[in-house]
Amino acid sequence: MATMSVRAKTGIWLAMSMAAACAAVPPSAAQGPLATETADNALDERALHAGGNELRIEVVGMPRGARSDELQRWAAEAANATLTAFGRFPLPNATVRVEQIDSRDPSPVPWGQTLRRDDVSVLLYVRRNAGLEELREDWTAVHELSHLFHPFLGGQGRWLAEGLASYYQNVLRARAGLMTQAEAWKELDAGFGRGRRERSGERLDELSRRHRGTMRVYWAGAAFWLEADLTLRHQGSSLDAVLSKYSACCLRGTGQTQPEDFVDALDRAGGGGVFRGLFDRYAGSREFPALDGAYRELGLQSGENGLVYSRKPEAERLRRDIMGAGSSSREARAR
């Protein structure tokens, strides 16, 4: 069964079967690309290469020209942001497909999907009049591309999948200079705040499976990856390093992996029990996780006027290590 991660116009992401997703697509989003393909089958296809892996970028419905070049540049910048994790694309082959649509949605990217069939494709539907700077400020492309770091985890593992994409959409964009480090910490803190407001008392994995409690599912998931990253860094490793090893040994773009199998594989790839320990605590949790310890380590404090940052050297260094461009940062070669 093909699966996808979908961003609806509300900014909420859903993981669902292809049949359900097709039924859920708003008519304006579904009909726009179809009409474009019927009227004009032009395709601007280019490829990026990094670390021996290839990411194809297709801009459909228009020949090469100024607008196509602009959309290719935007997609390539988002792709290059993902290289700040470990210097190569996580899968040997994947495709990004960009289409323009007519939309009244204020978002420059009103709709996004990650499809997993015989191969993996990230679909990005761009508002026709969205400018390059608007697109650069939007998180959608990096969020969707971050889904390529993990296998399809089904409904019960949606909190892990969307959590990783929500964490990395801020971390990777900060490293790539698409937002400041302070903005990235602010966005994470705001997301955690939205997650705390979900108080159903249901288990996180059940909310995930039943497609409920979206804000807790996404941002408790992001908290999981932040806590894992902090623990690994204290041990001389990092989330980036473990995902790099997992990508090399075990990552599959298609097919489904059980959440428990995924975290166990991460531990074998260098996590050393970190991921399973956190998984057992998070999956059955009935409220948003307390992040007081993580905030103390990072030197962060939520105040009435926003985040307050500690000037302690160890806290500053830890924040910088997570959000700053590291040695793995590189730029993909276009062809």
C-alpha atoms as a PDB file:
ATOM      1  CA  MET A   1       0.000   0.000   0.000  1.00  0.00           C
ATOM      2  CA  ALA A   2       1.376   3.410  -0.960  1.00  0.00           C
ATOM      3  CA  THR A   3       1.571   5.906   1.882  1.00  0.00           C
ATOM      4  CA  MET A   4       2.114   9.593   2.243  1.00  0.00           C
ATOM      5  CA  SER A   5       2.532  12.426   4.682  1.00  0.00           C
ATOM      6  CA  VAL A   6       0.167  15.252   3.829  1.00  0.00           C
ATOM      7  CA  ARG A   7       0.088  18.869   4.842  1.00  0.00           C
ATOM      8  CA  ALA A   8      -3.439  20.260   4.676  1.00  0.00           C
ATOM      9  CA  LYS A   9      -4.190  23.958   4.315  1.00  0.00           C
ATOM     10  CA  THR A  10      -4.475  24.350   8.069  1.00  0.00           C
ATOM     11  CA  GLY A  11      -0.761  23.539   8.386  1.00  0.00           C
ATOM     12  CA  ILE A  12      -1.555  20.160   9.985  1.00  0.00           C
ATOM     13  CA  TRP A  13       0.246  17.089   8.687  1.00  0.00           C
ATOM     14  CA  LEU A  14      -1.438  13.716   8.360  1.00  0.00           C
ATOM     15  CA  ALA A  15      -0.081  10.259   7.519  1.00  0.00           C
ATOM     16  CA  MET A  16      -2.605   8.128   5.656  1.00  0.00           C
ATOM     17  CA  SER A  17      -3.174   5.579   2.957  1.00  0.00           C
ATOM     18  CA  MET A  18      -3.231   6.731  -0.653  1.00  0.00           C
ATOM     19  CA  ALA A  19      -6.962   6.120  -0.937  1.00  0.00           C
ATOM     20  CA  ALA A  20      -7.743   8.183   2.137  1.00  0.00           C
ATOM     21  CA  ALA A  21      -5.324  10.902   1.100  1.00  0.00           C
ATOM     22  CA  CYS A  22      -6.843  11.249  -2.347  1.00  0.00           C
ATOM     23  CA  ALA A  23     -10.268  11.580  -0.766  1.00  0.00           C
ATOM     24  CA  ALA A  24      -8.939  14.237   1.617  1.00  0.00           C
ATOM     25  CA  VAL A  25      -7.268  16.494  -0.983  1.00  0.00           C
ATOM     26  CA  PRO A  26      -9.173  19.786  -1.304  1.00  0.00           C
ATOM     27  CA  PRO A  27     -10.651  20.153  -4.820  1.00  0.00           C
ATOM     28  CA  SER A  28      -8.617  23.289  -5.532  1.00  0.00           C
ATOM     29  CA  ALA A  29      -5.375  21.473  -4.744  1.00  0.00           C
ATOM     30  CA  ALA A  30      -6.337  18.285  -6.560  1.00  0.00           C
ATOM     31  CA  GLN A  31      -7.644  19.914  -9.725  1.00  0.00           C
ATOM     32  CA  GLY A  32      -4.932  22.540 -10.109  1.00  0.00           C
ATOM     33  CA  PRO A  33      -2.015  20.184 -10.904  1.00  0.00           C
ATOM     34  CA  LEU A  34      -4.246  17.971 -13.048  1.00  0.00           C
ATOM     35  CA  ALA A  35      -5.300  20.918 -15.173  1.00  0.00           C
ATOM     36  CA  THR A  36      -1.701  22.050 -15.486  1.00  0.00           C
ATOM     37  CA  GLU A  37      -0.502  18.635 -16.654  1.00  0.00           C
ATOM     38  CA  THR A  38      -3.289  18.394 -19.203  1.00  0.00           C
ATOM     39  CA  ALA A  39      -2.587  21.823 -20.603  1.00  0.00           C
ATOM     40  CA  ASP A  40       1.190  21.630 -20.609  1.00  0.00           C
ATOM     41  CA  ASN A  41       3.370  18.569 -20.145  1.00  0.00           C
ATOM     42  CA  ALA A  42       6.622  20.571 -20.017  1.00  0.00           C
ATOM     43  CA  LEU A  43       9.124  19.350 -17.443  1.00  0.00           C
ATOM     44  CA  ASP A  44      12.280  20.908 -16.045  1.00  0.00           C
ATOM     45  CA  GLU A  45      14.161  18.001 -14.500  1.00  0.00           C
ATOM     46  CA  ARG A  46      17.529  18.313 -12.781  1.00  0.00           C
ATOM     47  CA  ALA A  47      19.477  16.158 -10.352  1.00  0.00           C
ATOM     48  CA  LEU A  48      21.479  16.830  -7.206  1.00  0.00           C
ATOM     49  CA  HIS A  49      24.226  14.475  -6.040  1.00  0.00           C
ATOM     50  CA  ALA A  50      25.830  14.202  -2.627  1.00  0.00           C
ATOM     51  CA  GLY A  51      27.692  11.320  -1.017  1.00  0.00           C
ATOM     52  CA  GLY A  52      26.944   9.025  -3.950  1.00  0.00           C
ATOM     53  CA  ASN A  53      23.165   9.530  -3.637  1.00  0.00           C
ATOM     54  CA  GLU A  54      20.866  11.311  -6.061  1.00  0.00           C
ATOM     55  CA  LEU A  55      17.879  13.579  -5.507  1.00  0.00           C
ATOM     56  CA  ARG A  56      15.965  14.464  -8.652  1.00  0.00           C
ATOM     57  CA  ILE A  57      14.038  17.737  -8.757  1.00  0.00           C
ATOM     58  CA  GLU A  58      11.195  18.043 -11.254  1.00  0.00           C
ATOM     59  CA  VAL A  59       9.355  21.286 -11.912  1.00  0.00           C
ATOM     60  CA  VAL A  60       6.314  20.309 -13.940  1.00  0.00           C
ATOM     61  CA  GLY A  61       3.987  22.284 -16.151  1.00  0.00           C
ATOM     62  CA  MET A  62       6.562  24.747 -17.439  1.00  0.00           C
ATOM     63  CA  PRO A  63       9.681  24.750 -19.631  1.00  0.00           C
ATOM     64  CA  ARG A  64      13.022  25.978 -18.394  1.00  0.00           C
ATOM     65  CA  GLY A  65      12.904  29.673 -17.759  1.00  0.00           C
ATOM     66  CA  ALA A  66      13.070  32.312 -15.029  1.00  0.00           C
ATOM     67  CA  ARG A  67      10.239  30.888 -12.907  1.00  0.00           C
ATOM     68  CA  SER A  68      11.411  27.306 -13.310  1.00  0.00           C
ATOM     69  CA  ASP A  69      14.937  28.354 -12.348  1.00  0.00           C
ATOM     70  CA  GLU A  70      13.538  30.069  -9.240  1.00  0.00           C
ATOM     71  CA  LEU A  71      11.623  26.978  -8.128  1.00  0.00           C
ATOM     72  CA  GLN A  72      14.621  24.746  -8.821  1.00  0.00           C
ATOM     73  CA  ARG A  73      16.805  27.056  -6.761  1.00  0.00           C
ATOM     74  CA  TRP A  74      14.347  26.989  -3.843  1.00  0.00           C
ATOM     75  CA  ALA A  75      14.033  23.194  -3.901  1.00  0.00           C
ATOM     76  CA  ALA A  76      17.825  22.813  -4.118  1.00  0.00           C
ATOM     77  CA  GLU A  77      18.310  25.118  -1.121  1.00  0.00           C
ATOM     78  CA  ALA A  78      15.907  22.986   0.916  1.00  0.00           C
ATOM     79  CA  ALA A  79      17.696  19.839  -0.237  1.00  0.00           C
ATOM     80  CA  ASN A  80      21.067  21.306   0.703  1.00  0.00           C
ATOM     81  CA  ALA A  81      19.710  22.054   4.182  1.00  0.00           C
ATOM     82  CA  THR A  82      19.237  18.316   4.723  1.00  0.00           C
ATOM     83  CA  LEU A  83      22.913  17.756   3.942  1.00  0.00           C
ATOM     84  CA  THR A  84      23.806  19.520   7.197  1.00  0.00           C
ATOM     85  CA  ALA A  85      22.766  16.294   8.967  1.00  0.00           C
ATOM     86  CA  PHE A  86      25.518  14.042   7.604  1.00  0.00           C
ATOM     87  CA  GLY A  87      26.630  15.296   4.211  1.00  0.00           C
ATOM     88  CA  ARG A  88      24.610  13.065   1.885  1.00  0.00           C
ATOM     89  CA  PHE A  89      20.996  12.441   1.000  1.00  0.00           C
ATOM     90  CA  PRO A  90      19.605   9.635   3.172  1.00  0.00           C
ATOM     91  CA  LEU A  91      18.326   7.480   0.275  1.00  0.00           C
ATOM     92  CA  PRO A  92      20.228   6.418  -2.863  1.00  0.00           C
ATOM     93  CA  ASN A  93      17.433   7.777  -5.055  1.00  0.00           C
ATOM     94  CA  ALA A  94      14.407   9.984  -4.455  1.00  0.00           C
ATOM     95  CA  THR A  95      12.438  12.622  -6.354  1.00  0.00           C
ATOM     96  CA  VAL A  96      11.082  16.049  -5.485  1.00  0.00           C
ATOM     97  CA  ARG A  97       8.214  17.157  -7.707  1.00  0.00           C
ATOM     98  CA  VAL A  98       7.177  20.823  -7.682  1.00  0.00           C
ATOM     99  CA  GLU A  99       3.923  22.060  -9.175  1.00  0.00           C
ATOM    100  CA  GLN A 100       2.272  25.452  -9.161  1.00  0.00           C
ATOM    101  CA  ILE A 101      -1.381  25.782  -8.174  1.00  0.00           C
ATOM    102  CA  ASP A 102      -3.889  28.605  -7.902  1.00  0.00           C
ATOM    103  CA  SER A 103      -4.743  28.953  -4.230  1.00  0.00           C
ATOM    104  CA  ARG A 104      -6.198  31.535  -1.855  1.00  0.00           C
ATOM    105  CA  ASP A 105      -4.236  29.960   0.980  1.00  0.00           C
ATOM    106  CA  PRO A 106      -1.749  32.500   2.403  1.00  0.00           C
ATOM    107  CA  SER A 107       0.907  29.798   2.703  1.00  0.00           C
ATOM    108  CA  PRO A 108       3.396  29.802  -0.184  1.00  0.00           C
ATOM    109  CA  VAL A 109       3.250  25.977  -0.123  1.00  0.00           C
ATOM    110  CA  PRO A 110      -0.382  25.068   0.624  1.00  0.00           C
ATOM    111  CA  TRP A 111      -0.005  21.330   0.125  1.00  0.00           C
ATOM    112  CA  GLY A 112       2.761  18.760   0.494  1.00  0.00           C
ATOM    113  CA  GLN A 113       2.985  14.975   0.314  1.00  0.00           C
ATOM    114  CA  THR A 114       5.579  12.257   0.657  1.00  0.00           C
ATOM    115  CA  LEU A 115       4.630   9.200  -1.384  1.00  0.00           C
ATOM    116  CA  ARG A 116       6.155   5.766  -0.959  1.00  0.00           C
ATOM    117  CA  ARG A 117       5.303   3.415  -3.804  1.00  0.00           C
ATOM    118  CA  ASP A 118       7.935   1.608  -5.831  1.00  0.00           C
ATOM    119  CA  ASP A 119      10.130   4.621  -5.097  1.00  0.00           C
ATOM    120  CA  VAL A 120       9.952   7.724  -2.909  1.00  0.00           C
ATOM    121  CA  SER A 121       8.680  11.104  -4.050  1.00  0.00           C
ATOM    122  CA  VAL A 122       8.200  14.384  -2.232  1.00  0.00           C
ATOM    123  CA  LEU A 123       5.412  16.442  -3.815  1.00  0.00           C
ATOM    124  CA  LEU A 124       5.293  20.186  -3.181  1.00  0.00           C
ATOM    125  CA  TYR A 125       2.389  22.304  -4.442  1.00  0.00           C
ATOM    126  CA  VAL A 126       3.437  25.942  -4.640  1.00  0.00           C
ATOM    127  CA  ARG A 127       1.115  28.947  -4.792  1.00  0.00           C
ATOM    128  CA  ARG A 128       1.518  30.390  -8.265  1.00  0.00           C
ATOM    129  CA  ASN A 129       2.324  33.925  -7.092  1.00  0.00           C
ATOM    130  CA  ALA A 130       4.638  32.909  -4.219  1.00  0.00           C
ATOM    131  CA  GLY A 131       7.976  34.690  -4.425  1.00  0.00           C
ATOM    132  CA  LEU A 132      11.371  33.182  -3.721  1.00  0.00           C
ATOM    133  CA  GLU A 133      11.745  34.898  -0.341  1.00  0.00           C
ATOM    134  CA  GLU A 134       8.313  33.653   0.747  1.00  0.00           C
ATOM    135  CA  LEU A 135       9.287  30.134  -0.226  1.00  0.00           C
ATOM    136  CA  ARG A 136      12.596  30.351   1.625  1.00  0.00           C
ATOM    137  CA  GLU A 137      10.830  31.373   4.833  1.00  0.00           C
ATOM    138  CA  ASP A 138       8.386  28.448   4.634  1.00  0.00           C
ATOM    139  CA  TRP A 139       9.186  25.210   6.501  1.00  0.00           C
ATOM    140  CA  THR A 140       7.252  22.794   4.292  1.00  0.00           C
ATOM    141  CA  ALA A 141      10.002  21.636   1.925  1.00  0.00           C
ATOM    142  CA  VAL A 142      12.549  20.870   4.655  1.00  0.00           C
ATOM    143  CA  HIS A 143       9.868  19.169   6.757  1.00  0.00           C
ATOM    144  CA  GLU A 144       8.894  16.890   3.878  1.00  0.00           C
ATOM    145  CA  LEU A 145      12.496  16.151   2.926  1.00  0.00           C
ATOM    146  CA  SER A 146      13.179  15.242   6.574  1.00  0.00           C
ATOM    147  CA  HIS A 147      10.739  12.352   6.196  1.00  0.00           C
ATOM    148  CA  LEU A 148      13.363  10.723   3.961  1.00  0.00           C
ATOM    149  CA  PHE A 149      15.514  10.089   7.050  1.00  0.00           C
ATOM    150  CA  HIS A 150      13.102   7.460   8.386  1.00  0.00           C
ATOM    151  CA  PRO A 151      11.120   4.530   6.968  1.00  0.00           C
ATOM    152  CA  PHE A 152       7.335   4.456   6.838  1.00  0.00           C
ATOM    153  CA  LEU A 153       6.270   3.714  10.403  1.00  0.00           C
ATOM    154  CA  GLY A 154       2.505   3.334  10.076  1.00  0.00           C
ATOM    155  CA  GLY A 155      -0.097   5.120  12.149  1.00  0.00           C
ATOM    156  CA  GLN A 156       1.252   3.955  15.501  1.00  0.00           C
ATOM    157  CA  GLY A 157       4.683   5.357  14.656  1.00  0.00           C
ATOM    158  CA  ARG A 158       3.392   8.629  13.243  1.00  0.00           C
ATOM    159  CA  TRP A 159       4.559  10.470  16.356  1.00  0.00           C
ATOM    160  CA  LEU A 160       8.133   9.354  15.658  1.00  0.00           C
ATOM    161  CA  ALA A 161       7.955  10.264  11.959  1.00  0.00           C
ATOM    162  CA  GLU A 162       6.303  13.652  12.333  1.00  0.00           C
ATOM    163  CA  GLY A 163       8.359  14.378  15.417  1.00  0.00           C
ATOM    164  CA  LEU A 164      11.621  13.893  13.524  1.00  0.00           C
ATOM    165  CA  ALA A 165      10.423  16.071  10.651  1.00  0.00           C
ATOM    166  CA  SER A 166       9.223  18.771  13.085  1.00  0.00           C
ATOM    167  CA  TYR A 167      12.546  18.747  14.963  1.00  0.00           C
ATOM    168  CA  TYR A 168      14.692  18.710  11.845  1.00  0.00           C
ATOM    169  CA  GLN A 169      12.646  21.340   9.971  1.00  0.00           C
ATOM    170  CA  ASN A 170      13.994  23.849  12.486  1.00  0.00           C
ATOM    171  CA  VAL A 171      17.458  22.415  13.159  1.00  0.00           C
ATOM    172  CA  LEU A 172      18.403  21.921   9.507  1.00  0.00           C
ATOM    173  CA  ARG A 173      17.044  25.272   8.375  1.00  0.00           C
ATOM    174  CA  ALA A 174      19.028  27.033  11.107  1.00  0.00           C
ATOM    175  CA  ARG A 175      22.216  25.238  10.106  1.00  0.00           C
ATOM    176  CA  ALA A 176      21.667  26.182   6.466  1.00  0.00           C
ATOM    177  CA  GLY A 177      21.087  29.841   7.283  1.00  0.00           C
ATOM    178  CA  LEU A 178      17.421  29.788   6.253  1.00  0.00           C
ATOM    179  CA  MET A 179      16.523  31.006   9.756  1.00  0.00           C
ATOM    180  CA  THR A 180      18.568  32.151  12.720  1.00  0.00           C
ATOM    181  CA  GLN A 181      19.462  29.836  15.579  1.00  0.00           C
ATOM    182  CA  ALA A 182      17.365  31.982  17.923  1.00  0.00           C
ATOM    183  CA  GLU A 183      14.380  31.683  15.597  1.00  0.00           C
ATOM    184  CA  ALA A 184      14.783  27.915  15.497  1.00  0.00           C
ATOM    185  CA  TRP A 185      14.780  27.595  19.297  1.00  0.00           C
ATOM    186  CA  LYS A 186      11.774  29.924  19.429  1.00  0.00           C
ATOM    187  CA  GLU A 187       9.868  27.780  16.929  1.00  0.00           C
ATOM    188  CA  LEU A 188      10.648  24.586  18.846  1.00  0.00           C
ATOM    189  CA  ASP A 189       9.562  26.193  22.106  1.00  0.00           C
ATOM    190  CA  ALA A 190       6.327  27.412  20.511  1.00  0.00           C
ATOM    191  CA  GLY A 191       5.654  23.928  19.139  1.00  0.00           C
ATOM    192  CA  PHE A 192       6.177  22.385  22.560  1.00  0.00           C
ATOM    193  CA  GLY A 193       3.704  24.914  23.936  1.00  0.00           C
ATOM    194  CA  ARG A 194       1.082  23.840  21.403  1.00  0.00           C
ATOM    195  CA  GLY A 195       1.706  20.220  22.293  1.00  0.00           C
ATOM    196  CA  ARG A 196       1.161  20.855  25.996  1.00  0.00           C
ATOM    197  CA  ARG A 197      -2.323  22.200  25.326  1.00  0.00           C
ATOM    198  CA  GLU A 198      -3.539  18.739  24.268  1.00  0.00           C
ATOM    199  CA  ARG A 199      -4.837  17.193  27.499  1.00  0.00           C
ATOM    200  CA  SER A 200      -6.944  14.207  26.454  1.00  0.00           C
ATOM    201  CA  GLY A 201      -4.979  11.862  28.712  1.00  0.00           C
ATOM    202  CA  GLU A 202      -4.704   9.270  25.930  1.00  0.00           C
ATOM    203  CA  ARG A 203      -1.521   7.335  25.259  1.00  0.00           C
ATOM    204  CA  LEU A 204       0.718   8.995  22.680  1.00  0.00           C
ATOM    205  CA  ASP A 205       0.898   5.910  20.466  1.00  0.00           C
ATOM    206  CA  GLU A 206      -2.906   5.618  20.525  1.00  0.00           C
ATOM    207  CA  LEU A 207      -3.368   9.276  19.597  1.00  0.00           C
ATOM    208  CA  SER A 208      -0.911   8.649  16.802  1.00  0.00           C
ATOM    209  CA  ARG A 209      -2.678   5.540  15.547  1.00  0.00           C
ATOM    210  CA  ARG A 210      -6.118   7.158  15.667  1.00  0.00           C
ATOM    211  CA  HIS A 211      -4.980  10.428  14.039  1.00  0.00           C
ATOM    212  CA  ARG A 212      -6.020  12.500  17.009  1.00  0.00           C
ATOM    213  CA  GLY A 213      -4.248  15.020  19.230  1.00  0.00           C
ATOM    214  CA  THR A 214      -2.165  16.273  16.328  1.00  0.00           C
ATOM    215  CA  MET A 215      -0.239  18.923  18.230  1.00  0.00           C
ATOM    216  CA  ARG A 216       0.832  16.508  20.980  1.00  0.00           C
ATOM    217  CA  VAL A 217       1.660  13.833  18.414  1.00  0.00           C
ATOM    218  CA  TYR A 218       3.915  16.166  16.441  1.00  0.00           C
ATOM    219  CA  TRP A 219       5.575  18.065  19.258  1.00  0.00           C
ATOM    220  CA  ALA A 220       5.917  15.277  21.806  1.00  0.00           C
ATOM    221  CA  GLY A 221       7.554  13.472  18.901  1.00  0.00           C
ATOM    222  CA  ALA A 222       9.913  16.411  18.376  1.00  0.00           C
ATOM    223  CA  ALA A 223      10.693  16.392  22.115  1.00  0.00           C
ATOM    224  CA  PHE A 224      11.641  12.703  21.827  1.00  0.00           C
ATOM    225  CA  TRP A 225      14.255  13.481  19.171  1.00  0.00           C
ATOM    226  CA  LEU A 226      15.565  16.506  21.085  1.00  0.00           C
ATOM    227  CA  GLU A 227      16.043  14.406  24.220  1.00  0.00           C
ATOM    228  CA  ALA A 228      17.725  11.668  22.190  1.00  0.00           C
ATOM    229  CA  ASP A 229      20.039  14.213  20.562  1.00  0.00           C
ATOM    230  CA  LEU A 230      21.031  15.708  23.916  1.00  0.00           C
ATOM    231  CA  THR A 231      21.745  12.308  25.478  1.00  0.00           C
ATOM    232  CA  LEU A 232      23.821  11.195  22.502  1.00  0.00           C
ATOM    233  CA  ARG A 233      25.836  14.412  22.528  1.00  0.00           C
ATOM    234  CA  HIS A 234      26.727  13.852  26.180  1.00  0.00           C
ATOM    235  CA  GLN A 235      28.074  10.465  25.066  1.00  0.00           C
ATOM    236  CA  GLY A 236      30.216  11.987  22.315  1.00  0.00           C
ATOM    237  CA  SER A 237      27.791  11.169  19.485  1.00  0.00           C
ATOM    238  CA  SER A 238      24.694  12.867  18.026  1.00  0.00           C
ATOM    239  CA  LEU A 239      21.366  12.174  16.377  1.00  0.00           C
ATOM    240  CA  ASP A 240      22.979  13.054  13.034  1.00  0.00           C
ATOM    241  CA  ALA A 241      25.708  10.438  13.530  1.00  0.00           C
ATOM    242  CA  VAL A 242      23.262   7.658  14.394  1.00  0.00           C
ATOM    243  CA  LEU A 243      20.922   8.482  11.506  1.00  0.00           C
ATOM    244  CA  SER A 244      23.915   8.477   9.168  1.00  0.00           C
ATOM    245  CA  LYS A 245      24.833   4.945  10.214  1.00  0.00           C
ATOM    246  CA  TYR A 246      21.205   3.839  10.009  1.00  0.00           C
ATOM    247  CA  SER A 247      20.901   5.327   6.522  1.00  0.00           C
ATOM    248  CA  ALA A 248      23.976   3.397   5.377  1.00  0.00           C
ATOM    249  CA  CYS A 249      22.975   0.048   6.854  1.00  0.00           C
ATOM    250  CA  CYS A 250      19.248  -0.226   7.138  1.00  0.00           C
ATOM    251  CA  LEU A 251      17.060   2.561   5.759  1.00  0.00           C
ATOM    252  CA  ARG A 252      14.461   1.557   3.179  1.00  0.00           C
ATOM    253  CA  GLY A 253      12.440   4.146   1.312  1.00  0.00           C
ATOM    254  CA  THR A 254       9.490   1.844   0.679  1.00  0.00           C
ATOM    255  CA  GLY A 255       7.709  -0.769   2.745  1.00  0.00           C
ATOM    256  CA  GLN A 256       6.702  -0.459   6.381  1.00  0.00           C
ATOM    257  CA  THR A 257       8.834  -0.776   9.497  1.00  0.00           C
ATOM    258  CA  GLN A 258       7.372  -1.264  12.958  1.00  0.00           C
ATOM    259  CA  PRO A 259       8.210   1.590  15.351  1.00  0.00           C
ATOM    260  CA  GLU A 260       9.858  -0.771  17.837  1.00  0.00           C
ATOM    261  CA  ASP A 261      12.039  -2.256  15.099  1.00  0.00           C
ATOM    262  CA  PHE A 262      13.068   1.227  13.994  1.00  0.00           C
ATOM    263  CA  VAL A 263      14.246   2.372  17.423  1.00  0.00           C
ATOM    264  CA  ASP A 264      16.007  -0.947  18.045  1.00  0.00           C
ATOM    265  CA  ALA A 265      17.839  -0.552  14.721  1.00  0.00           C
ATOM    266  CA  LEU A 266      18.872   2.984  15.713  1.00  0.00           C
ATOM    267  CA  ASP A 267      20.290   1.624  18.954  1.00  0.00           C
ATOM    268  CA  ARG A 268      22.287  -1.001  17.031  1.00  0.00           C
ATOM    269  CA  ALA A 269      23.534   1.779  14.733  1.00  0.00           C
ATOM    270  CA  GLY A 270      25.116   3.617  17.647  1.00  0.00           C
ATOM    271  CA  GLY A 271      22.276   4.624  19.951  1.00  0.00           C
ATOM    272  CA  GLY A 272      23.342   2.139  22.608  1.00  0.00           C
ATOM    273  CA  GLY A 273      19.895   1.849  24.174  1.00  0.00           C
ATOM    274  CA  VAL A 274      19.087   5.566  24.153  1.00  0.00           C
ATOM    275  CA  PHE A 275      16.248   5.281  21.665  1.00  0.00           C
ATOM    276  CA  ARG A 276      14.522   2.230  23.162  1.00  0.00           C
ATOM    277  CA  GLY A 277      14.627   3.729  26.629  1.00  0.00           C
ATOM    278  CA  LEU A 278      13.008   6.953  25.445  1.00  0.00           C
ATOM    279  CA  PHE A 279      10.555   5.061  23.238  1.00  0.00           C
ATOM    280  CA  ASP A 280       9.243   2.995  26.136  1.00  0.00           C
ATOM    281  CA  ARG A 281       8.678   6.159  28.154  1.00  0.00           C
ATOM    282  CA  TYR A 282       7.146   8.240  25.373  1.00  0.00           C
ATOM    283  CA  ALA A 283       4.902   5.747  23.550  1.00  0.00           C
ATOM    284  CA  GLY A 284       2.741   5.086  26.619  1.00  0.00           C
ATOM    285  CA  SER A 285       2.801   8.642  27.973  1.00  0.00           C
ATOM    286  CA  ARG A 286      -0.539  10.308  28.628  1.00  0.00           C
ATOM    287  CA  GLU A 287       0.637  13.915  28.813  1.00  0.00           C
ATOM    288  CA  PHE A 288       3.250  16.095  27.204  1.00  0.00           C
ATOM    289  CA  PRO A 289       6.761  15.225  28.433  1.00  0.00           C
ATOM    290  CA  ALA A 290       8.439  17.446  30.973  1.00  0.00           C
ATOM    291  CA  LEU A 291      11.407  19.143  29.310  1.00  0.00           C
ATOM    292  CA  ASP A 292      12.759  20.973  32.363  1.00  0.00           C
ATOM    293  CA  GLY A 293      15.986  18.982  32.350  1.00  0.00           C
ATOM    294  CA  ALA A 294      16.544  19.502  28.629  1.00  0.00           C
ATOM    295  CA  TYR A 295      15.927  23.234  28.965  1.00  0.00           C
ATOM    296  CA  ARG A 296      18.392  23.474  31.865  1.00  0.00           C
ATOM    297  CA  GLU A 297      21.071  21.757  29.800  1.00  0.00           C
ATOM    298  CA  LEU A 298      20.397  24.067  26.863  1.00  0.00           C
ATOM    299  CA  GLY A 299      20.251  27.162  29.049  1.00  0.00           C
ATOM    300  CA  LEU A 300      16.715  27.990  27.922  1.00  0.00           C
ATOM    301  CA  GLN A 301      13.949  29.492  30.011  1.00  0.00           C
ATOM    302  CA  SER A 302      10.463  30.365  28.806  1.00  0.00           C
ATOM    303  CA  GLY A 303       9.420  33.855  29.879  1.00  0.00           C
ATOM    304  CA  GLU A 304       6.524  36.209  29.254  1.00  0.00           C
ATOM    305  CA  ASN A 305       8.529  37.946  26.547  1.00  0.00           C
ATOM    306  CA  GLY A 306       9.831  34.759  24.939  1.00  0.00           C
ATOM    307  CA  LEU A 307      12.861  32.578  25.494  1.00  0.00           C
ATOM    308  CA  VAL A 308      15.661  33.681  27.773  1.00  0.00           C
ATOM    309  CA  TYR A 309      19.109  32.298  26.920  1.00  0.00           C
ATOM    310  CA  SER A 310      21.745  31.441  29.504  1.00  0.00           C
ATOM    311  CA  ARG A 311      25.223  32.842  28.877  1.00  0.00           C
ATOM    312  CA  LYS A 312      26.922  29.858  30.500  1.00  0.00           C
ATOM    313  CA  PRO A 313      29.609  28.609  28.095  1.00  0.00           C
ATOM    314  CA  GLU A 314      28.549  24.956  28.208  1.00  0.00           C
ATOM    315  CA  ALA A 315      24.914  25.830  27.429  1.00  0.00           C
ATOM    316  CA  GLU A 316      25.900  28.197  24.624  1.00  0.00           C
ATOM    317  CA  ARG A 317      28.178  25.539  23.165  1.00  0.00           C
ATOM    318  CA  LEU A 318      25.454  22.883  23.278  1.00  0.00           C
ATOM    319  CA  ARG A 319      22.919  25.138  21.559  1.00  0.00           C
ATOM    320  CA  ARG A 320      25.488  26.055  18.943  1.00  0.00           C
ATOM    321  CA  ASP A 321      26.476  22.429  18.363  1.00  0.00           C
ATOM    322  CA  ILE A 322      22.871  21.487  17.608  1.00  0.00           C
ATOM    323  CA  MET A 323      21.850  24.464  15.477  1.00  0.00           C
ATOM    324  CA  GLY A 324      25.168  25.523  13.981  1.00  0.00           C
ATOM    325  CA  ALA A 325      26.518  24.314  10.652  1.00  0.00           C
ATOM    326  CA  GLY A 326      28.830  21.389  11.367  1.00  0.00           C
ATOM    327  CA  SER A 327      31.569  19.599   9.512  1.00  0.00           C
ATOM    328  CA  SER A 328      28.980  17.495   7.671  1.00  0.00           C
ATOM    329  CA  SER A 329      27.529  20.554   5.971  1.00  0.00           C
ATOM    330  CA  ARG A 330      28.136  20.573   2.230  1.00  0.00           C
ATOM    331  CA  GLU A 331      26.415  21.527  -0.979  1.00  0.00           C
ATOM    332  CA  ALA A 332      25.026  19.042  -3.444  1.00  0.00           C
ATOM    333  CA  ARG A 333      26.325  19.039  -6.989  1.00  0.00           C
ATOM    334  CA  ALA A 334      23.642  19.890  -9.554  1.00  0.00           C
ATOM    335  CA  ARG A 335      23.498  18.396 -13.008  1.00  0.00           C
END
